[in-house]
Amino acid sequence: MSDFRTPLRRVRGLGAGGGTEHFWQQRLTALANAVLITCFVILLLTLMNESYEGVRAAFANPFVGIIMALMVVSATIHMKLGMQIVIEDYIHGAAKLPLLILNIFFAIAVAAACLFAIVKMSFGV
């Protein structure tokens, strides 16, 4: 197997290999999303003809609220990682850093809004 590090990077212990953690995070969130979004679709199909009160009653079940919260967290992490790769690969120059920061804040805002809605539905606040 070839080594993609320069001699200076070998001495410092730096170089190729920094993307492995990102790669695995992307794959694990994709796997979690496959399971959690399947649960979400089943829940949607189950609650399709329910009234608002019926949907709130379903979300009052702690299992449903936890599964939906896990789905939101996993999906937003996956979204952030995917957009980070797109920004790093295709945006160059001064716009790169602000877009990476905006990506983080956007993911946090989406997750916070969704989690707020889930908590509101679950606890009837």
PDB file of N, CA and C in Angstrom:
ATOM      1  N   MET A   1       0.852  -1.172   0.000  1.00  0.00           N
ATOM      2  CA  MET A   1       0.000   0.000   0.000  1.00  0.00           C
ATOM      3  C   MET A   1       0.893   1.229   0.000  1.00  0.00           C
ATOM      4  N   SER A   2       0.580   2.169  -0.830  1.00  0.00           N
ATOM      5  CA  SER A   2       1.423   3.358  -0.942  1.00  0.00           C
ATOM      6  C   SER A   2       1.108   4.338   0.181  1.00  0.00           C
ATOM      7  N   ASP A   3       2.089   5.135   0.504  1.00  0.00           N
ATOM      8  CA  ASP A   3       1.947   6.143   1.546  1.00  0.00           C
ATOM      9  C   ASP A   3       1.856   7.511   0.880  1.00  0.00           C
ATOM     10  N   PHE A   4       0.760   8.227   1.125  1.00  0.00           N
ATOM     11  CA  PHE A   4       0.515   9.511   0.469  1.00  0.00           C
ATOM     12  C   PHE A   4       1.081  10.695   1.251  1.00  0.00           C
ATOM     13  N   ARG A   5       1.887  10.432   2.250  1.00  0.00           N
ATOM     14  CA  ARG A   5       2.441  11.514   3.051  1.00  0.00           C
ATOM     15  C   ARG A   5       3.821  11.906   2.532  1.00  0.00           C
ATOM     16  N   THR A   6       4.112  13.172   2.627  1.00  0.00           N
ATOM     17  CA  THR A   6       5.455  13.646   2.266  1.00  0.00           C
ATOM     18  C   THR A   6       6.406  13.269   3.400  1.00  0.00           C
ATOM     19  N   PRO A   7       7.716  13.281   3.154  1.00  0.00           N
ATOM     20  CA  PRO A   7       8.656  12.942   4.229  1.00  0.00           C
ATOM     21  C   PRO A   7       8.476  13.810   5.480  1.00  0.00           C
ATOM     22  N   LEU A   8       8.208  15.108   5.301  1.00  0.00           N
ATOM     23  CA  LEU A   8       8.002  15.981   6.451  1.00  0.00           C
ATOM     24  C   LEU A   8       6.740  15.579   7.212  1.00  0.00           C
ATOM     25  N   ARG A   9       5.694  15.219   6.503  1.00  0.00           N
ATOM     26  CA  ARG A   9       4.448  14.808   7.149  1.00  0.00           C
ATOM     27  C   ARG A   9       4.626  13.490   7.894  1.00  0.00           C
ATOM     28  N   ARG A  10       5.450  12.591   7.374  1.00  0.00           N
ATOM     29  CA  ARG A  10       5.714  11.331   8.059  1.00  0.00           C
ATOM     30  C   ARG A  10       6.388  11.585   9.405  1.00  0.00           C
ATOM     31  N   VAL A  11       7.311  12.521   9.429  1.00  0.00           N
ATOM     32  CA  VAL A  11       8.017  12.846  10.664  1.00  0.00           C
ATOM     33  C   VAL A  11       7.055  13.445  11.681  1.00  0.00           C
ATOM     34  N   ARG A  12       6.166  14.319  11.222  1.00  0.00           N
ATOM     35  CA  ARG A  12       5.210  14.974  12.117  1.00  0.00           C
ATOM     36  C   ARG A  12       3.999  14.095  12.423  1.00  0.00           C
ATOM     37  N   GLY A  13       3.827  13.008  11.682  1.00  0.00           N
ATOM     38  CA  GLY A  13       2.673  12.139  11.899  1.00  0.00           C
ATOM     39  C   GLY A  13       1.402  12.678  11.292  1.00  0.00           C
ATOM     40  N   LEU A  14       1.534  13.547  10.307  1.00  0.00           N
ATOM     41  CA  LEU A  14       0.374  14.140   9.655  1.00  0.00           C
ATOM     42  C   LEU A  14       0.252  13.590   8.242  1.00  0.00           C
ATOM     43  N   GLY A  15      -0.745  13.988   7.531  1.00  0.00           N
ATOM     44  CA  GLY A  15      -0.892  13.605   6.132  1.00  0.00           C
ATOM     45  C   GLY A  15      -2.213  12.919   5.876  1.00  0.00           C
ATOM     46  N   ALA A  16      -2.218  12.046   4.872  1.00  0.00           N
ATOM     47  CA  ALA A  16      -3.449  11.365   4.474  1.00  0.00           C
ATOM     48  C   ALA A  16      -3.987  10.554   5.640  1.00  0.00           C
ATOM     49  N   GLY A  17      -5.285  10.473   5.748  1.00  0.00           N
ATOM     50  CA  GLY A  17      -5.919   9.688   6.794  1.00  0.00           C
ATOM     51  C   GLY A  17      -6.854  10.497   7.661  1.00  0.00           C
ATOM     52  N   GLY A  18      -6.874  11.804   7.506  1.00  0.00           N
ATOM     53  CA  GLY A  18      -7.750  12.637   8.308  1.00  0.00           C
ATOM     54  C   GLY A  18      -9.218  12.500   7.945  1.00  0.00           C
ATOM     55  N   GLY A  19      -9.508  12.002   6.761  1.00  0.00           N
ATOM     56  CA  GLY A  19     -10.889  11.879   6.322  1.00  0.00           C
ATOM     57  C   GLY A  19     -11.566  10.595   6.749  1.00  0.00           C
ATOM     58  N   THR A  20     -10.822   9.696   7.389  1.00  0.00           N
ATOM     59  CA  THR A  20     -11.397   8.406   7.774  1.00  0.00           C
ATOM     60  C   THR A  20     -12.514   8.570   8.788  1.00  0.00           C
ATOM     61  N   GLU A  21     -12.303   9.424   9.777  1.00  0.00           N
ATOM     62  CA  GLU A  21     -13.330   9.644  10.794  1.00  0.00           C
ATOM     63  C   GLU A  21     -14.596  10.212  10.156  1.00  0.00           C
ATOM     64  N   HIS A  22     -14.438  11.171   9.274  1.00  0.00           N
ATOM     65  CA  HIS A  22     -15.574  11.776   8.571  1.00  0.00           C
ATOM     66  C   HIS A  22     -16.299  10.728   7.743  1.00  0.00           C
ATOM     67  N   PHE A  23     -15.536   9.863   7.067  1.00  0.00           N
ATOM     68  CA  PHE A  23     -16.106   8.794   6.249  1.00  0.00           C
ATOM     69  C   PHE A  23     -16.984   7.882   7.101  1.00  0.00           C
ATOM     70  N   TRP A  24     -16.474   7.467   8.255  1.00  0.00           N
ATOM     71  CA  TRP A  24     -17.237   6.557   9.102  1.00  0.00           C
ATOM     72  C   TRP A  24     -18.443   7.238   9.732  1.00  0.00           C
ATOM     73  N   GLN A  25     -18.311   8.500  10.100  1.00  0.00           N
ATOM     74  CA  GLN A  25     -19.462   9.227  10.628  1.00  0.00           C
ATOM     75  C   GLN A  25     -20.577   9.292   9.591  1.00  0.00           C
ATOM     76  N   GLN A  26     -20.204   9.556   8.354  1.00  0.00           N
ATOM     77  CA  GLN A  26     -21.183   9.634   7.266  1.00  0.00           C
ATOM     78  C   GLN A  26     -21.880   8.287   7.087  1.00  0.00           C
ATOM     79  N   ARG A  27     -21.112   7.207   7.104  1.00  0.00           N
ATOM     80  CA  ARG A  27     -21.688   5.877   6.897  1.00  0.00           C
ATOM     81  C   ARG A  27     -22.568   5.447   8.064  1.00  0.00           C
ATOM     82  N   LEU A  28     -22.134   5.735   9.290  1.00  0.00           N
ATOM     83  CA  LEU A  28     -22.924   5.341  10.455  1.00  0.00           C
ATOM     84  C   LEU A  28     -24.220   6.135  10.555  1.00  0.00           C
ATOM     85  N   THR A  29     -24.175   7.427  10.240  1.00  0.00           N
ATOM     86  CA  THR A  29     -25.424   8.193  10.255  1.00  0.00           C
ATOM     87  C   THR A  29     -26.350   7.743   9.131  1.00  0.00           C
ATOM     88  N   ALA A  30     -25.786   7.325   8.006  1.00  0.00           N
ATOM     89  CA  ALA A  30     -26.625   6.799   6.918  1.00  0.00           C
ATOM     90  C   ALA A  30     -27.319   5.515   7.356  1.00  0.00           C
ATOM     91  N   LEU A  31     -26.598   4.647   8.049  1.00  0.00           N
ATOM     92  CA  LEU A  31     -27.190   3.404   8.548  1.00  0.00           C
ATOM     93  C   LEU A  31     -28.276   3.701   9.581  1.00  0.00           C
ATOM     94  N   ALA A  32     -27.984   4.615  10.499  1.00  0.00           N
ATOM     95  CA  ALA A  32     -28.986   4.997  11.499  1.00  0.00           C
ATOM     96  C   ALA A  32     -30.208   5.617  10.826  1.00  0.00           C
ATOM     97  N   ASN A  33     -29.976   6.451   9.810  1.00  0.00           N
ATOM     98  CA  ASN A  33     -31.094   7.072   9.092  1.00  0.00           C
ATOM     99  C   ASN A  33     -31.960   6.033   8.403  1.00  0.00           C
ATOM    100  N   ALA A  34     -31.350   4.994   7.857  1.00  0.00           N
ATOM    101  CA  ALA A  34     -32.131   3.953   7.182  1.00  0.00           C
ATOM    102  C   ALA A  34     -33.128   3.324   8.151  1.00  0.00           C
ATOM    103  N   VAL A  35     -32.684   3.047   9.361  1.00  0.00           N
ATOM    104  CA  VAL A  35     -33.565   2.432  10.360  1.00  0.00           C
ATOM    105  C   VAL A  35     -34.578   3.451  10.885  1.00  0.00           C
ATOM    106  N   LEU A  36     -34.100   4.626  11.274  1.00  0.00           N
ATOM    107  CA  LEU A  36     -34.971   5.613  11.911  1.00  0.00           C
ATOM    108  C   LEU A  36     -35.992   6.203  10.944  1.00  0.00           C
ATOM    109  N   ILE A  37     -35.603   6.435   9.706  1.00  0.00           N
ATOM    110  CA  ILE A  37     -36.557   6.983   8.736  1.00  0.00           C
ATOM    111  C   ILE A  37     -37.581   5.927   8.339  1.00  0.00           C
ATOM    112  N   THR A  38     -37.190   4.656   8.360  1.00  0.00           N
ATOM    113  CA  THR A  38     -38.168   3.590   8.145  1.00  0.00           C
ATOM    114  C   THR A  38     -39.222   3.627   9.249  1.00  0.00           C
ATOM    115  N   CYS A  39     -38.791   3.792  10.496  1.00  0.00           N
ATOM    116  CA  CYS A  39     -39.742   3.926  11.606  1.00  0.00           C
ATOM    117  C   CYS A  39     -40.632   5.150  11.415  1.00  0.00           C
ATOM    118  N   PHE A  40     -40.051   6.251  10.947  1.00  0.00           N
ATOM    119  CA  PHE A  40     -40.807   7.481  10.714  1.00  0.00           C
ATOM    120  C   PHE A  40     -41.870   7.285   9.638  1.00  0.00           C
ATOM    121  N   VAL A  41     -41.511   6.608   8.553  1.00  0.00           N
ATOM    122  CA  VAL A  41     -42.470   6.362   7.467  1.00  0.00           C
ATOM    123  C   VAL A  41     -43.600   5.464   7.960  1.00  0.00           C
ATOM    124  N   ILE A  42     -43.261   4.443   8.744  1.00  0.00           N
ATOM    125  CA  ILE A  42     -44.297   3.569   9.309  1.00  0.00           C
ATOM    126  C   ILE A  42     -45.221   4.380  10.213  1.00  0.00           C
ATOM    127  N   LEU A  43     -44.649   5.264  11.022  1.00  0.00           N
ATOM    128  CA  LEU A  43     -45.465   6.121  11.884  1.00  0.00           C
ATOM    129  C   LEU A  43     -46.371   7.025  11.052  1.00  0.00           C
ATOM    130  N   LEU A  44     -45.830   7.611   9.990  1.00  0.00           N
ATOM    131  CA  LEU A  44     -46.646   8.463   9.118  1.00  0.00           C
ATOM    132  C   LEU A  44     -47.809   7.690   8.508  1.00  0.00           C
ATOM    133  N   LEU A  45     -47.521   6.484   8.025  1.00  0.00           N
ATOM    134  CA  LEU A  45     -48.583   5.678   7.425  1.00  0.00           C
ATOM    135  C   LEU A  45     -49.629   5.285   8.460  1.00  0.00           C
ATOM    136  N   THR A  46     -49.188   5.036   9.683  1.00  0.00           N
ATOM    137  CA  THR A  46     -50.117   4.671  10.749  1.00  0.00           C
ATOM    138  C   THR A  46     -51.002   5.850  11.146  1.00  0.00           C
ATOM    139  N   LEU A  47     -50.429   7.038  11.170  1.00  0.00           N
ATOM    140  CA  LEU A  47     -51.153   8.220  11.648  1.00  0.00           C
ATOM    141  C   LEU A  47     -51.790   9.045  10.533  1.00  0.00           C
ATOM    142  N   MET A  48     -51.760   8.534   9.310  1.00  0.00           N
ATOM    143  CA  MET A  48     -52.213   9.317   8.168  1.00  0.00           C
ATOM    144  C   MET A  48     -53.667   9.773   8.294  1.00  0.00           C
ATOM    145  N   ASN A  49     -54.536   8.950   8.800  1.00  0.00           N
ATOM    146  CA  ASN A  49     -55.957   9.302   8.881  1.00  0.00           C
ATOM    147  C   ASN A  49     -56.378   9.725  10.281  1.00  0.00           C
ATOM    148  N   GLU A  50     -55.410   9.956  11.151  1.00  0.00           N
ATOM    149  CA  GLU A  50     -55.719  10.365  12.520  1.00  0.00           C
ATOM    150  C   GLU A  50     -55.974  11.869  12.593  1.00  0.00           C
ATOM    151  N   SER A  51     -56.693  12.258  13.619  1.00  0.00           N
ATOM    152  CA  SER A  51     -56.907  13.682  13.884  1.00  0.00           C
ATOM    153  C   SER A  51     -55.666  14.247  14.573  1.00  0.00           C
ATOM    154  N   TYR A  52     -55.675  15.546  14.769  1.00  0.00           N
ATOM    155  CA  TYR A  52     -54.563  16.196  15.458  1.00  0.00           C
ATOM    156  C   TYR A  52     -54.388  15.623  16.864  1.00  0.00           C
ATOM    157  N   GLU A  53     -55.492  15.383  17.539  1.00  0.00           N
ATOM    158  CA  GLU A  53     -55.432  14.826  18.888  1.00  0.00           C
ATOM    159  C   GLU A  53     -54.852  13.416  18.870  1.00  0.00           C
ATOM    160  N   GLY A  54     -55.176  12.647  17.836  1.00  0.00           N
ATOM    161  CA  GLY A  54     -54.613  11.300  17.709  1.00  0.00           C
ATOM    162  C   GLY A  54     -53.112  11.317  17.484  1.00  0.00           C
ATOM    163  N   VAL A  55     -52.658  12.276  16.697  1.00  0.00           N
ATOM    164  CA  VAL A  55     -51.215  12.409  16.449  1.00  0.00           C
ATOM    165  C   VAL A  55     -50.511  12.843  17.728  1.00  0.00           C
ATOM    166  N   ARG A  56     -51.099  13.789  18.451  1.00  0.00           N
ATOM    167  CA  ARG A  56     -50.495  14.215  19.726  1.00  0.00           C
ATOM    168  C   ARG A  56     -50.463  13.075  20.719  1.00  0.00           C
ATOM    169  N   ALA A  57     -51.505  12.244  20.730  1.00  0.00           N
ATOM    170  CA  ALA A  57     -51.515  11.092  21.635  1.00  0.00           C
ATOM    171  C   ALA A  57     -50.405  10.110  21.271  1.00  0.00           C
ATOM    172  N   ALA A  58     -50.175   9.924  19.982  1.00  0.00           N
ATOM    173  CA  ALA A  58     -49.093   9.029  19.553  1.00  0.00           C
ATOM    174  C   ALA A  58     -47.741   9.588  19.971  1.00  0.00           C
ATOM    175  N   PHE A  59     -47.547  10.894  19.827  1.00  0.00           N
ATOM    176  CA  PHE A  59     -46.275  11.509  20.214  1.00  0.00           C
ATOM    177  C   PHE A  59     -46.113  11.600  21.725  1.00  0.00           C
ATOM    178  N   ALA A  60     -47.196  11.444  22.482  1.00  0.00           N
ATOM    179  CA  ALA A  60     -47.093  11.427  23.940  1.00  0.00           C
ATOM    180  C   ALA A  60     -46.415  10.149  24.422  1.00  0.00           C
ATOM    181  N   ASN A  61     -46.402   9.118  23.576  1.00  0.00           N
ATOM    182  CA  ASN A  61     -45.679   7.888  23.895  1.00  0.00           C
ATOM    183  C   ASN A  61     -44.181   8.197  23.880  1.00  0.00           C
ATOM    184  N   PRO A  62     -43.475   7.944  24.988  1.00  0.00           N
ATOM    185  CA  PRO A  62     -42.043   8.280  25.034  1.00  0.00           C
ATOM    186  C   PRO A  62     -41.218   7.583  23.951  1.00  0.00           C
ATOM    187  N   PHE A  63     -41.578   6.367  23.590  1.00  0.00           N
ATOM    188  CA  PHE A  63     -40.835   5.632  22.564  1.00  0.00           C
ATOM    189  C   PHE A  63     -40.880   6.375  21.232  1.00  0.00           C
ATOM    190  N   VAL A  64     -42.053   6.866  20.864  1.00  0.00           N
ATOM    191  CA  VAL A  64     -42.210   7.589  19.596  1.00  0.00           C
ATOM    192  C   VAL A  64     -41.413   8.891  19.624  1.00  0.00           C
ATOM    193  N   GLY A  65     -41.510   9.625  20.718  1.00  0.00           N
ATOM    194  CA  GLY A  65     -40.769  10.880  20.827  1.00  0.00           C
ATOM    195  C   GLY A  65     -39.264  10.678  20.764  1.00  0.00           C
ATOM    196  N   ILE A  66     -38.776   9.640  21.426  1.00  0.00           N
ATOM    197  CA  ILE A  66     -37.334   9.363  21.421  1.00  0.00           C
ATOM    198  C   ILE A  66     -36.874   8.951  20.034  1.00  0.00           C
ATOM    199  N   ILE A  67     -37.632   8.097  19.364  1.00  0.00           N
ATOM    200  CA  ILE A  67     -37.262   7.664  18.010  1.00  0.00           C
ATOM    201  C   ILE A  67     -37.248   8.862  17.059  1.00  0.00           C
ATOM    202  N   MET A  68     -38.238   9.740  17.169  1.00  0.00           N
ATOM    203  CA  MET A  68     -38.275  10.914  16.297  1.00  0.00           C
ATOM    204  C   MET A  68     -37.120  11.870  16.602  1.00  0.00           C
ATOM    205  N   ALA A  69     -36.791  12.045  17.878  1.00  0.00           N
ATOM    206  CA  ALA A  69     -35.664  12.910  18.239  1.00  0.00           C
ATOM    207  C   ALA A  69     -34.350  12.329  17.722  1.00  0.00           C
ATOM    208  N   LEU A  70     -34.174  11.022  17.852  1.00  0.00           N
ATOM    209  CA  LEU A  70     -32.966  10.375  17.325  1.00  0.00           C
ATOM    210  C   LEU A  70     -32.880  10.538  15.813  1.00  0.00           C
ATOM    211  N   MET A  71     -34.029  10.430  15.139  1.00  0.00           N
ATOM    212  CA  MET A  71     -34.034  10.597  13.686  1.00  0.00           C
ATOM    213  C   MET A  71     -33.600  12.013  13.303  1.00  0.00           C
ATOM    214  N   VAL A  72     -34.125  13.005  14.002  1.00  0.00           N
ATOM    215  CA  VAL A  72     -33.771  14.396  13.708  1.00  0.00           C
ATOM    216  C   VAL A  72     -32.279  14.630  13.924  1.00  0.00           C
ATOM    217  N   VAL A  73     -31.749  14.151  15.033  1.00  0.00           N
ATOM    218  CA  VAL A  73     -30.324  14.349  15.326  1.00  0.00           C
ATOM    219  C   VAL A  73     -29.463  13.653  14.280  1.00  0.00           C
ATOM    220  N   SER A  74     -29.780  12.401  13.977  1.00  0.00           N
ATOM    221  CA  SER A  74     -28.990  11.652  12.996  1.00  0.00           C
ATOM    222  C   SER A  74     -29.080  12.281  11.605  1.00  0.00           C
ATOM    223  N   ALA A  75     -30.275  12.680  11.206  1.00  0.00           N
ATOM    224  CA  ALA A  75     -30.446  13.265   9.868  1.00  0.00           C
ATOM    225  C   ALA A  75     -29.735  14.611   9.743  1.00  0.00           C
ATOM    226  N   THR A  76     -29.771  15.428  10.795  1.00  0.00           N
ATOM    227  CA  THR A  76     -29.101  16.723  10.694  1.00  0.00           C
ATOM    228  C   THR A  76     -27.578  16.581  10.735  1.00  0.00           C
ATOM    229  N   ILE A  77     -27.073  15.619  11.495  1.00  0.00           N
ATOM    230  CA  ILE A  77     -25.625  15.364  11.469  1.00  0.00           C
ATOM    231  C   ILE A  77     -25.215  14.894  10.080  1.00  0.00           C
ATOM    232  N   HIS A  78     -25.995  13.995   9.508  1.00  0.00           N
ATOM    233  CA  HIS A  78     -25.708  13.486   8.166  1.00  0.00           C
ATOM    234  C   HIS A  78     -25.763  14.620   7.134  1.00  0.00           C
ATOM    235  N   MET A  79     -26.756  15.495   7.257  1.00  0.00           N
ATOM    236  CA  MET A  79     -26.882  16.641   6.352  1.00  0.00           C
ATOM    237  C   MET A  79     -25.674  17.562   6.472  1.00  0.00           C
ATOM    238  N   LYS A  80     -25.267  17.846   7.700  1.00  0.00           N
ATOM    239  CA  LYS A  80     -24.112  18.720   7.927  1.00  0.00           C
ATOM    240  C   LYS A  80     -22.842  18.123   7.341  1.00  0.00           C
ATOM    241  N   LEU A  81     -22.632  16.831   7.545  1.00  0.00           N
ATOM    242  CA  LEU A  81     -21.436  16.176   7.005  1.00  0.00           C
ATOM    243  C   LEU A  81     -21.431  16.200   5.476  1.00  0.00           C
ATOM    244  N   GLY A  82     -22.576  15.936   4.873  1.00  0.00           N
ATOM    245  CA  GLY A  82     -22.663  15.946   3.415  1.00  0.00           C
ATOM    246  C   GLY A  82     -22.415  17.319   2.828  1.00  0.00           C
ATOM    247  N   MET A  83     -23.022  18.340   3.425  1.00  0.00           N
ATOM    248  CA  MET A  83     -22.806  19.700   2.930  1.00  0.00           C
ATOM    249  C   MET A  83     -21.370  20.158   3.163  1.00  0.00           C
ATOM    250  N   GLN A  84     -20.765  19.699   4.249  1.00  0.00           N
ATOM    251  CA  GLN A  84     -19.369  20.047   4.518  1.00  0.00           C
ATOM    252  C   GLN A  84     -18.462  19.525   3.410  1.00  0.00           C
ATOM    253  N   ILE A  85     -18.714  18.303   2.962  1.00  0.00           N
ATOM    254  CA  ILE A  85     -17.912  17.729   1.874  1.00  0.00           C
ATOM    255  C   ILE A  85     -18.105  18.530   0.589  1.00  0.00           C
ATOM    256  N   VAL A  86     -19.348  18.881   0.281  1.00  0.00           N
ATOM    257  CA  VAL A  86     -19.620  19.661  -0.932  1.00  0.00           C
ATOM    258  C   VAL A  86     -18.907  21.011  -0.864  1.00  0.00           C
ATOM    259  N   ILE A  87     -18.991  21.676   0.281  1.00  0.00           N
ATOM    260  CA  ILE A  87     -18.338  22.983   0.429  1.00  0.00           C
ATOM    261  C   ILE A  87     -16.826  22.842   0.312  1.00  0.00           C
ATOM    262  N   GLU A  88     -16.252  21.852   0.996  1.00  0.00           N
ATOM    263  CA  GLU A  88     -14.797  21.680   0.958  1.00  0.00           C
ATOM    264  C   GLU A  88     -14.294  21.324  -0.434  1.00  0.00           C
ATOM    265  N   ASP A  89     -15.084  20.569  -1.186  1.00  0.00           N
ATOM    266  CA  ASP A  89     -14.639  20.131  -2.508  1.00  0.00           C
ATOM    267  C   ASP A  89     -14.842  21.174  -3.601  1.00  0.00           C
ATOM    268  N   TYR A  90     -15.904  21.974  -3.510  1.00  0.00           N
ATOM    269  CA  TYR A  90     -16.266  22.833  -4.632  1.00  0.00           C
ATOM    270  C   TYR A  90     -16.172  24.328  -4.368  1.00  0.00           C
ATOM    271  N   ILE A  91     -15.996  24.744  -3.139  1.00  0.00           N
ATOM    272  CA  ILE A  91     -15.879  26.168  -2.829  1.00  0.00           C
ATOM    273  C   ILE A  91     -14.423  26.460  -2.479  1.00  0.00           C
ATOM    274  N   HIS A  92     -13.861  27.451  -3.136  1.00  0.00           N
ATOM    275  CA  HIS A  92     -12.464  27.805  -2.900  1.00  0.00           C
ATOM    276  C   HIS A  92     -12.374  29.280  -2.557  1.00  0.00           C
ATOM    277  N   GLY A  93     -11.332  29.651  -1.881  1.00  0.00           N
ATOM    278  CA  GLY A  93     -11.097  31.058  -1.585  1.00  0.00           C
ATOM    279  C   GLY A  93     -11.708  31.485  -0.271  1.00  0.00           C
ATOM    280  N   ALA A  94     -12.011  32.772  -0.203  1.00  0.00           N
ATOM    281  CA  ALA A  94     -12.467  33.387   1.042  1.00  0.00           C
ATOM    282  C   ALA A  94     -13.864  32.941   1.466  1.00  0.00           C
ATOM    283  N   ALA A  95     -14.666  32.442   0.553  1.00  0.00           N
ATOM    284  CA  ALA A  95     -16.040  32.057   0.881  1.00  0.00           C
ATOM    285  C   ALA A  95     -16.118  30.722   1.613  1.00  0.00           C
ATOM    286  N   LYS A  96     -15.061  29.954   1.585  1.00  0.00           N
ATOM    287  CA  LYS A  96     -15.093  28.598   2.139  1.00  0.00           C
ATOM    288  C   LYS A  96     -15.360  28.582   3.646  1.00  0.00           C
ATOM    289  N   LEU A  97     -14.586  29.317   4.414  1.00  0.00           N
ATOM    290  CA  LEU A  97     -14.733  29.307   5.872  1.00  0.00           C
ATOM    291  C   LEU A  97     -16.095  29.829   6.329  1.00  0.00           C
ATOM    292  N   PRO A  98     -16.584  30.969   5.811  1.00  0.00           N
ATOM    293  CA  PRO A  98     -17.922  31.413   6.234  1.00  0.00           C
ATOM    294  C   PRO A  98     -19.021  30.403   5.887  1.00  0.00           C
ATOM    295  N   LEU A  99     -18.896  29.744   4.748  1.00  0.00           N
ATOM    296  CA  LEU A  99     -19.908  28.746   4.385  1.00  0.00           C
ATOM    297  C   LEU A  99     -19.843  27.529   5.302  1.00  0.00           C
ATOM    298  N   LEU A 100     -18.654  27.118   5.699  1.00  0.00           N
ATOM    299  CA  LEU A 100     -18.529  26.000   6.638  1.00  0.00           C
ATOM    300  C   LEU A 100     -19.143  26.356   7.993  1.00  0.00           C
ATOM    301  N   ILE A 101     -18.922  27.586   8.435  1.00  0.00           N
ATOM    302  CA  ILE A 101     -19.513  28.037   9.698  1.00  0.00           C
ATOM    303  C   ILE A 101     -21.028  28.138   9.566  1.00  0.00           C
ATOM    304  N   LEU A 102     -21.504  28.682   8.458  1.00  0.00           N
ATOM    305  CA  LEU A 102     -22.942  28.780   8.212  1.00  0.00           C
ATOM    306  C   LEU A 102     -23.584  27.396   8.156  1.00  0.00           C
ATOM    307  N   ASN A 103     -22.886  26.433   7.590  1.00  0.00           N
ATOM    308  CA  ASN A 103     -23.371  25.057   7.529  1.00  0.00           C
ATOM    309  C   ASN A 103     -23.602  24.508   8.934  1.00  0.00           C
ATOM    310  N   ILE A 104     -22.676  24.762   9.839  1.00  0.00           N
ATOM    311  CA  ILE A 104     -22.813  24.291  11.220  1.00  0.00           C
ATOM    312  C   ILE A 104     -24.028  24.939  11.882  1.00  0.00           C
ATOM    313  N   PHE A 105     -24.142  26.262  11.755  1.00  0.00           N
ATOM    314  CA  PHE A 105     -25.262  26.961  12.384  1.00  0.00           C
ATOM    315  C   PHE A 105     -26.602  26.568  11.767  1.00  0.00           C
ATOM    316  N   PHE A 106     -26.629  26.328  10.464  1.00  0.00           N
ATOM    317  CA  PHE A 106     -27.867  25.899   9.817  1.00  0.00           C
ATOM    318  C   PHE A 106     -28.301  24.534  10.345  1.00  0.00           C
ATOM    319  N   ALA A 107     -27.360  23.608  10.472  1.00  0.00           N
ATOM    320  CA  ALA A 107     -27.688  22.276  10.988  1.00  0.00           C
ATOM    321  C   ALA A 107     -28.203  22.365  12.422  1.00  0.00           C
ATOM    322  N   ILE A 108     -27.581  23.205  13.226  1.00  0.00           N
ATOM    323  CA  ILE A 108     -28.037  23.377  14.612  1.00  0.00           C
ATOM    324  C   ILE A 108     -29.436  23.988  14.642  1.00  0.00           C
ATOM    325  N   ALA A 109     -29.698  24.966  13.787  1.00  0.00           N
ATOM    326  CA  ALA A 109     -31.015  25.610  13.745  1.00  0.00           C
ATOM    327  C   ALA A 109     -32.103  24.633  13.310  1.00  0.00           C
ATOM    328  N   VAL A 110     -31.810  23.821  12.297  1.00  0.00           N
ATOM    329  CA  VAL A 110     -32.784  22.823  11.835  1.00  0.00           C
ATOM    330  C   VAL A 110     -33.069  21.817  12.943  1.00  0.00           C
ATOM    331  N   ALA A 111     -32.010  21.315  13.581  1.00  0.00           N
ATOM    332  CA  ALA A 111     -32.188  20.339  14.656  1.00  0.00           C
ATOM    333  C   ALA A 111     -32.971  20.943  15.817  1.00  0.00           C
ATOM    334  N   ALA A 112     -32.646  22.170  16.189  1.00  0.00           N
ATOM    335  CA  ALA A 112     -33.335  22.814  17.308  1.00  0.00           C
ATOM    336  C   ALA A 112     -34.817  23.017  17.009  1.00  0.00           C
ATOM    337  N   ALA A 113     -35.138  23.465  15.804  1.00  0.00           N
ATOM    338  CA  ALA A 113     -36.542  23.680  15.438  1.00  0.00           C
ATOM    339  C   ALA A 113     -37.319  22.364  15.442  1.00  0.00           C
ATOM    340  N   CYS A 114     -36.727  21.325  14.884  1.00  0.00           N
ATOM    341  CA  CYS A 114     -37.399  20.022  14.841  1.00  0.00           C
ATOM    342  C   CYS A 114     -37.556  19.434  16.239  1.00  0.00           C
ATOM    343  N   LEU A 115     -36.507  19.523  17.053  1.00  0.00           N
ATOM    344  CA  LEU A 115     -36.591  18.993  18.415  1.00  0.00           C
ATOM    345  C   LEU A 115     -37.597  19.777  19.248  1.00  0.00           C
ATOM    346  N   PHE A 116     -37.673  21.083  19.036  1.00  0.00           N
ATOM    347  CA  PHE A 116     -38.681  21.890  19.726  1.00  0.00           C
ATOM    348  C   PHE A 116     -40.086  21.412  19.365  1.00  0.00           C
ATOM    349  N   ALA A 117     -40.315  21.157  18.081  1.00  0.00           N
ATOM    350  CA  ALA A 117     -41.631  20.683  17.641  1.00  0.00           C
ATOM    351  C   ALA A 117     -41.950  19.317  18.240  1.00  0.00           C
ATOM    352  N   ILE A 118     -40.960  18.437  18.302  1.00  0.00           N
ATOM    353  CA  ILE A 118     -41.183  17.108  18.882  1.00  0.00           C
ATOM    354  C   ILE A 118     -41.495  17.220  20.368  1.00  0.00           C
ATOM    355  N   VAL A 119     -40.744  18.047  21.082  1.00  0.00           N
ATOM    356  CA  VAL A 119     -40.994  18.233  22.519  1.00  0.00           C
ATOM    357  C   VAL A 119     -42.376  18.837  22.736  1.00  0.00           C
ATOM    358  N   LYS A 120     -42.733  19.801  21.916  1.00  0.00           N
ATOM    359  CA  LYS A 120     -44.048  20.437  22.040  1.00  0.00           C
ATOM    360  C   LYS A 120     -45.166  19.421  21.804  1.00  0.00           C
ATOM    361  N   MET A 121     -44.986  18.564  20.788  1.00  0.00           N
ATOM    362  CA  MET A 121     -45.991  17.527  20.518  1.00  0.00           C
ATOM    363  C   MET A 121     -46.014  16.481  21.631  1.00  0.00           C
ATOM    364  N   SER A 122     -44.845  16.112  22.130  1.00  0.00           N
ATOM    365  CA  SER A 122     -44.766  15.050  23.133  1.00  0.00           C
ATOM    366  C   SER A 122     -45.348  15.472  24.477  1.00  0.00           C
ATOM    367  N   PHE A 123     -45.035  16.687  24.904  1.00  0.00           N
ATOM    368  CA  PHE A 123     -45.467  17.131  26.224  1.00  0.00           C
ATOM    369  C   PHE A 123     -46.699  18.012  26.190  1.00  0.00           C
ATOM    370  N   GLY A 124     -47.175  18.348  25.000  1.00  0.00           N
ATOM    371  CA  GLY A 124     -48.373  19.160  24.882  1.00  0.00           C
ATOM    372  C   GLY A 124     -48.202  20.566  25.428  1.00  0.00           C
ATOM    373  N   VAL A 125     -46.996  21.081  25.322  1.00  0.00           N
ATOM    374  CA  VAL A 125     -46.697  22.414  25.860  1.00  0.00           C
ATOM    375  C   VAL A 125     -47.296  23.474  24.973  1.00  0.00           C
TER     376      VAL A 125
END
